[in-house]
Amino acid sequence: MWGVSAGLLLVGLGVAAFQDVRVREVPDALWVVMALAGTVLGGLALAPGGWVPLLLWVLTAGFVLEHLLPWDSAFEGSGAADWVELGVYAVVLAVVGLAVVRLGLGPSTVPVPVVAVVVSVLFARGLFEAGVLYGGADAKAVMVAGLMVPVFAAPLLPVPAAVQPVTSVLPFPVDLLLDAALLSVTVPVALAVLNASRREFRFRDGFTTYTIPVGELPRRWVWVRDPSYPVDRAEEETIETSEEDRRWRERVASELTARGVGRVRVGPQLPFVVFLFAGAVLAVAFGNLILDLLVLV
């Protein structure tokens, strides 16, 4: 059953990656559909263990869905939503933690997938609050991945024997995210090569920025990082939609054109869901690539 979930996860993340590249936004409806599919398939997988594992699974599935549904709009303008969410976290952690202490881990008590889902949510939320996962879609993708495939103990392709015990207990989103992070290292390398080929490499920002014609700025998903045009980062953070972002780049392009500037230095707006999709493919095939490589070294 988890194999079917893994296949559906790859399809869902593939659709999300396409949307992220095309419009830099992933509709919440996609995450909800994926989460519901994971809830049903996970429930079918755990149902033979009895009603306790099934109830705990429903609880943890609801924990994920809480992050995907706009329930907090009812508390807009007040701080009540934060307290409600804090209460949800407290209840879920208390129930699952107490169940583990009283019943132990097992197919008919507290299944490992239930614990893995809770860990995945905490992992994604922590990275989001720390700014490691910059966009809400990135955090939602990790949470949904944890619900659809909590643990993927046996990668499809052979992995080093020393890694197998670790892979069998690590939540799948941890493997997915580490594989995605490893892939993202290719971006600064590619930018350095591009800048070097144009003789525009600078040690200060040659790994993170490059130049484009000002006229292309409205059509590119980039951040302006040119010394001649200081950007207020606080203003950038107020941009919430791809349309607002496009209008902002149009305004910057108009101002630079009026100044007679021909090229502008920019940094790419990385569609990280694409890396998460690629990381999921690698995690299904090879498990945790970083651990695989460390063992081989």
Protein backbone atom coordinates (compact mmCIF):
# COMPACT_ATOMS: atom_id res chain seq x y z
CA MET A 1 0.00 0.00 0.00
CA TRP A 2 2.86 2.41 0.80
CA GLY A 3 4.26 1.69 -2.69
CA VAL A 4 1.00 2.93 -4.23
CA SER A 5 1.19 6.01 -2.01
CA ALA A 6 4.76 6.64 -3.15
CA GLY A 7 3.67 6.50 -6.79
CA LEU A 8 0.82 8.94 -6.17
CA LEU A 9 3.17 11.22 -4.25
CA LEU A 10 5.53 11.42 -7.21
CA VAL A 11 2.64 12.22 -9.54
CA GLY A 12 1.32 14.92 -7.18
CA LEU A 13 4.74 16.48 -6.65
CA GLY A 14 5.31 16.40 -10.40
CA VAL A 15 2.13 18.43 -10.94
CA ALA A 16 3.14 20.80 -8.13
CA ALA A 17 6.61 21.24 -9.64
CA PHE A 18 5.08 22.11 -13.02
CA GLN A 19 2.86 24.73 -11.39
CA ASP A 20 5.78 26.12 -9.40
CA VAL A 21 7.85 26.57 -12.57
CA ARG A 22 4.97 28.01 -14.58
CA VAL A 23 3.38 30.49 -12.14
CA ARG A 24 5.40 30.14 -8.91
CA GLU A 25 2.26 29.16 -7.02
CA VAL A 26 0.87 25.75 -6.08
CA PRO A 27 -2.88 25.62 -5.35
CA ASP A 28 -3.76 24.42 -1.86
CA ALA A 29 -6.41 22.18 -3.42
CA LEU A 30 -3.64 19.96 -4.82
CA TRP A 31 -2.09 19.47 -1.37
CA VAL A 32 -5.52 18.71 0.12
CA VAL A 33 -6.28 16.07 -2.52
CA MET A 34 -2.88 14.45 -1.99
CA ALA A 35 -3.33 14.51 1.80
CA LEU A 36 -6.79 12.91 1.55
CA ALA A 37 -5.40 10.20 -0.72
CA GLY A 38 -2.62 9.57 1.79
CA THR A 39 -5.15 9.44 4.61
CA VAL A 40 -7.26 6.78 2.86
CA LEU A 41 -4.34 4.63 1.70
CA GLY A 42 -2.60 4.87 5.06
CA GLY A 43 -5.82 3.95 6.85
CA LEU A 44 -6.22 0.87 4.65
CA ALA A 45 -2.64 -0.15 5.39
CA LEU A 46 -3.03 0.23 9.17
CA ALA A 47 -6.63 -0.99 9.58
CA PRO A 48 -5.65 -4.66 10.09
CA GLY A 49 -3.95 -3.62 13.34
CA GLY A 50 -7.27 -2.64 14.93
CA TRP A 51 -9.10 0.51 15.91
CA VAL A 52 -6.28 2.05 18.02
CA PRO A 53 -3.81 2.40 15.12
CA LEU A 54 -6.64 3.59 12.87
CA LEU A 55 -7.78 6.30 15.29
CA LEU A 56 -4.21 7.49 15.81
CA TRP A 57 -3.74 7.61 12.05
CA VAL A 58 -6.87 9.72 11.59
CA LEU A 59 -5.61 12.06 14.32
CA THR A 60 -2.22 12.55 12.68
CA ALA A 61 -3.80 12.91 9.22
CA GLY A 62 -5.96 15.68 10.64
CA PHE A 63 -2.78 17.23 12.05
CA VAL A 64 -1.43 17.53 8.49
CA LEU A 65 -4.72 18.75 7.03
CA GLU A 66 -4.89 21.50 9.64
CA HIS A 67 -1.96 23.15 7.85
CA LEU A 68 -3.64 22.94 4.45
CA LEU A 69 -7.15 24.27 5.13
CA PRO A 70 -7.99 27.99 5.64
CA TRP A 71 -9.69 27.49 9.02
CA ASP A 72 -7.74 30.42 10.49
CA SER A 73 -9.63 32.91 8.29
CA ALA A 74 -12.42 32.80 10.89
CA PHE A 75 -9.99 34.38 13.39
CA GLU A 76 -8.57 37.00 11.03
CA GLY A 77 -7.56 40.15 12.82
CA SER A 78 -7.04 38.47 16.17
CA GLY A 79 -4.35 36.31 17.70
CA ALA A 80 -6.78 33.50 18.48
CA ALA A 81 -5.64 31.38 15.50
CA ASP A 82 -2.14 31.05 16.97
CA TRP A 83 -3.54 29.82 20.27
CA VAL A 84 -5.88 27.37 18.55
CA GLU A 85 -3.01 25.97 16.50
CA LEU A 86 -0.83 25.75 19.58
CA GLY A 87 -3.61 23.77 21.24
CA VAL A 88 -3.79 21.40 18.25
CA TYR A 89 -0.04 20.77 18.47
CA ALA A 90 -0.27 20.17 22.22
CA VAL A 91 -3.16 17.71 21.90
CA VAL A 92 -1.59 15.71 19.07
CA LEU A 93 1.81 15.50 20.77
CA ALA A 94 0.23 14.58 24.11
CA VAL A 95 -2.02 11.87 22.67
CA VAL A 96 0.63 10.26 20.48
CA GLY A 97 3.34 10.60 23.12
CA LEU A 98 1.15 9.09 25.84
CA ALA A 99 0.10 6.28 23.52
CA VAL A 100 3.73 5.42 22.79
CA VAL A 101 4.58 5.39 26.49
CA ARG A 102 1.53 3.35 27.52
CA LEU A 103 1.17 1.02 24.53
CA GLY A 104 4.53 1.00 22.80
CA LEU A 105 5.28 0.89 19.09
CA GLY A 106 3.75 -1.83 16.97
CA PRO A 107 1.22 -2.67 14.25
CA SER A 108 -1.60 -3.10 16.78
CA THR A 109 -0.57 -0.31 19.16
CA VAL A 110 1.16 2.84 17.87
CA PRO A 111 2.35 2.21 14.29
CA VAL A 112 5.70 3.66 13.29
CA PRO A 113 4.02 5.60 10.41
CA VAL A 114 1.95 7.56 12.96
CA VAL A 115 5.08 8.71 14.78
CA ALA A 116 6.82 9.41 11.46
CA VAL A 117 3.98 11.71 10.35
CA VAL A 118 4.14 13.72 13.58
CA VAL A 119 7.93 14.01 13.28
CA SER A 120 7.56 15.09 9.64
CA VAL A 121 5.13 17.87 10.54
CA LEU A 122 7.39 19.15 13.32
CA PHE A 123 10.39 18.89 10.99
CA ALA A 124 8.70 20.89 8.21
CA ARG A 125 7.24 23.49 10.57
CA GLY A 126 10.58 23.98 12.29
CA LEU A 127 12.41 24.49 8.98
CA PHE A 128 9.71 26.92 7.83
CA GLU A 129 9.90 29.00 11.01
CA ALA A 130 13.71 29.02 10.74
CA GLY A 131 13.49 30.30 7.16
CA VAL A 132 15.11 27.21 5.64
CA LEU A 133 11.88 26.37 3.82
CA TYR A 134 11.12 29.84 2.49
CA GLY A 135 7.70 29.28 0.91
CA GLY A 136 4.56 27.87 2.44
CA ALA A 137 4.24 25.47 -0.49
CA ASP A 138 7.62 23.95 0.40
CA ALA A 139 6.55 23.21 3.97
CA LYS A 140 3.19 21.85 2.83
CA ALA A 141 4.93 19.59 0.33
CA VAL A 142 7.11 18.09 3.06
CA MET A 143 4.12 17.55 5.38
CA VAL A 144 2.02 15.94 2.65
CA ALA A 145 4.94 13.74 1.66
CA GLY A 146 5.18 12.59 5.27
CA LEU A 147 1.49 11.67 5.31
CA MET A 148 1.54 9.84 1.98
CA VAL A 149 4.84 8.03 2.62
CA PRO A 150 5.77 8.20 6.30
CA VAL A 151 8.64 5.69 6.01
CA PHE A 152 10.04 4.06 2.88
CA ALA A 153 12.23 1.34 4.34
CA ALA A 154 13.31 -0.35 1.11
CA PRO A 155 14.45 1.89 -1.79
CA LEU A 156 13.81 0.45 -5.22
CA LEU A 157 17.51 0.23 -6.08
CA PRO A 158 20.27 -1.40 -3.98
CA VAL A 159 21.82 0.81 -1.29
CA PRO A 160 24.83 0.19 0.96
CA ALA A 161 23.98 -2.37 3.65
CA ALA A 162 25.20 -0.03 6.40
CA VAL A 163 22.61 2.57 5.38
CA GLN A 164 19.60 0.25 5.33
CA PRO A 165 18.93 0.26 9.12
CA VAL A 166 18.99 4.08 9.19
CA THR A 167 16.78 4.41 6.11
CA SER A 168 14.22 2.06 7.65
CA VAL A 169 13.63 4.36 10.64
CA LEU A 170 14.13 7.85 9.20
CA PRO A 171 10.89 9.56 8.14
CA PHE A 172 10.71 9.63 4.36
CA PRO A 173 10.52 13.47 4.20
CA VAL A 174 13.95 13.66 5.85
CA ASP A 175 15.43 11.57 3.04
CA LEU A 176 13.46 13.57 0.47
CA LEU A 177 14.59 16.94 1.81
CA LEU A 178 18.25 15.97 2.16
CA ASP A 179 18.28 14.62 -1.39
CA ALA A 180 16.64 17.86 -2.59
CA ALA A 181 19.25 19.91 -0.71
CA LEU A 182 22.03 17.91 -2.33
CA LEU A 183 20.56 18.59 -5.78
CA SER A 184 20.20 22.32 -5.06
CA VAL A 185 23.99 22.57 -4.72
CA THR A 186 24.12 22.39 -8.51
CA VAL A 187 22.56 25.86 -8.76
CA PRO A 188 25.49 27.94 -7.40
CA VAL A 189 27.90 25.81 -9.44
CA ALA A 190 25.88 26.48 -12.61
CA LEU A 191 25.73 30.21 -11.85
CA ALA A 192 29.49 30.33 -11.30
CA VAL A 193 30.09 28.59 -14.64
CA LEU A 194 27.66 30.96 -16.40
CA ASN A 195 29.31 34.05 -14.91
CA ALA A 196 32.79 32.75 -15.72
CA SER A 197 31.80 32.08 -19.35
CA ARG A 198 30.60 35.69 -19.62
CA ARG A 199 33.64 37.04 -17.76
CA GLU A 200 31.25 38.42 -15.14
CA PHE A 201 32.26 36.26 -12.20
CA ARG A 202 32.70 38.11 -8.90
CA PHE A 203 33.78 36.35 -5.73
CA ARG A 204 31.27 38.36 -3.71
CA ASP A 205 28.18 37.05 -5.47
CA GLY A 206 29.29 35.03 -8.48
CA PHE A 207 27.70 31.89 -7.06
CA THR A 208 24.33 33.48 -6.33
CA THR A 209 23.61 36.08 -9.03
CA TYR A 210 23.97 36.72 -12.76
CA THR A 211 23.03 39.50 -15.20
CA ILE A 212 20.13 39.78 -17.65
CA PRO A 213 18.92 42.56 -19.98
CA VAL A 214 16.64 44.96 -18.12
CA GLY A 215 13.92 44.41 -20.72
CA GLU A 216 13.69 40.74 -19.69
CA LEU A 217 13.17 41.51 -16.02
CA PRO A 218 9.32 41.40 -16.06
CA ARG A 219 9.42 37.94 -17.71
CA ARG A 220 11.98 36.33 -15.42
CA TRP A 221 11.37 34.83 -11.98
CA VAL A 222 14.24 36.62 -10.26
CA TRP A 223 15.15 38.91 -7.39
CA VAL A 224 16.95 42.18 -8.18
CA ARG A 225 20.37 42.09 -6.56
CA ASP A 226 22.12 44.92 -8.37
CA PRO A 227 24.30 47.34 -6.36
CA SER A 228 22.96 50.21 -8.48
CA TYR A 229 19.40 49.44 -7.36
CA PRO A 230 19.24 48.81 -3.59
CA VAL A 231 16.15 46.78 -2.77
CA ASP A 232 14.21 47.04 0.45
CA ARG A 233 14.08 43.39 1.60
CA ALA A 234 11.13 44.22 3.86
CA GLU A 235 9.18 45.36 0.78
CA GLU A 236 10.10 42.14 -1.00
CA GLU A 237 8.68 40.08 1.84
CA THR A 238 5.29 41.77 1.47
CA ILE A 239 4.90 40.27 -2.02
CA GLU A 240 2.46 37.38 -1.70
CA THR A 241 1.35 36.44 -5.23
CA SER A 242 3.08 35.87 -8.55
CA GLU A 243 1.08 38.76 -10.06
CA GLU A 244 2.31 41.17 -7.37
CA ASP A 245 5.82 39.94 -8.03
CA ARG A 246 5.50 40.53 -11.78
CA ARG A 247 4.17 44.06 -11.27
CA TRP A 248 7.06 44.81 -8.91
CA ARG A 249 9.59 43.66 -11.52
CA GLU A 250 7.84 45.76 -14.17
CA ARG A 251 8.20 48.83 -11.97
CA VAL A 252 11.89 48.13 -11.35
CA ALA A 253 12.50 47.60 -15.08
CA SER A 254 10.82 50.93 -15.90
CA GLU A 255 12.97 52.77 -13.36
CA LEU A 256 16.19 51.14 -14.60
CA THR A 257 15.30 51.83 -18.25
CA ALA A 258 14.67 55.49 -17.39
CA ARG A 259 18.17 55.62 -15.92
CA GLY A 260 19.66 54.16 -19.10
CA VAL A 261 20.69 50.88 -17.42
CA GLY A 262 21.03 48.05 -19.96
CA ARG A 263 21.72 45.01 -17.79
CA VAL A 264 20.85 44.23 -14.19
CA ARG A 265 22.26 41.70 -11.74
CA VAL A 266 19.65 39.30 -10.37
CA GLY A 267 19.32 36.20 -8.24
CA PRO A 268 17.08 33.30 -9.31
CA GLN A 269 13.82 32.66 -7.52
CA LEU A 270 14.35 28.94 -7.13
CA PRO A 271 11.20 26.81 -7.59
CA PHE A 272 12.14 24.60 -4.65
CA VAL A 273 9.14 22.31 -5.16
CA VAL A 274 10.98 21.15 -8.29
CA PHE A 275 13.91 20.09 -6.12
CA LEU A 276 11.50 18.41 -3.70
CA PHE A 277 10.01 16.45 -6.59
CA ALA A 278 13.47 15.40 -7.78
CA GLY A 279 14.44 14.62 -4.18
CA ALA A 280 11.35 12.41 -3.81
CA VAL A 281 12.30 10.48 -6.96
CA LEU A 282 15.82 9.95 -5.63
CA ALA A 283 14.55 9.01 -2.16
CA VAL A 284 12.23 6.37 -3.62
CA ALA A 285 15.01 5.00 -5.80
CA PHE A 286 18.10 5.34 -3.59
CA GLY A 287 16.93 6.36 -0.11
CA ASN A 288 19.13 9.00 1.50
CA LEU A 289 21.82 9.93 -1.03
CA ILE A 290 23.92 11.81 1.50
CA LEU A 291 24.10 8.76 3.77
CA ASP A 292 24.76 6.53 0.76
CA LEU A 293 27.70 8.71 -0.29
CA LEU A 294 29.11 8.98 3.24
CA VAL A 295 29.15 5.20 3.59
CA LEU A 296 30.87 4.79 0.23
CA VAL A 297 33.51 7.37 1.19
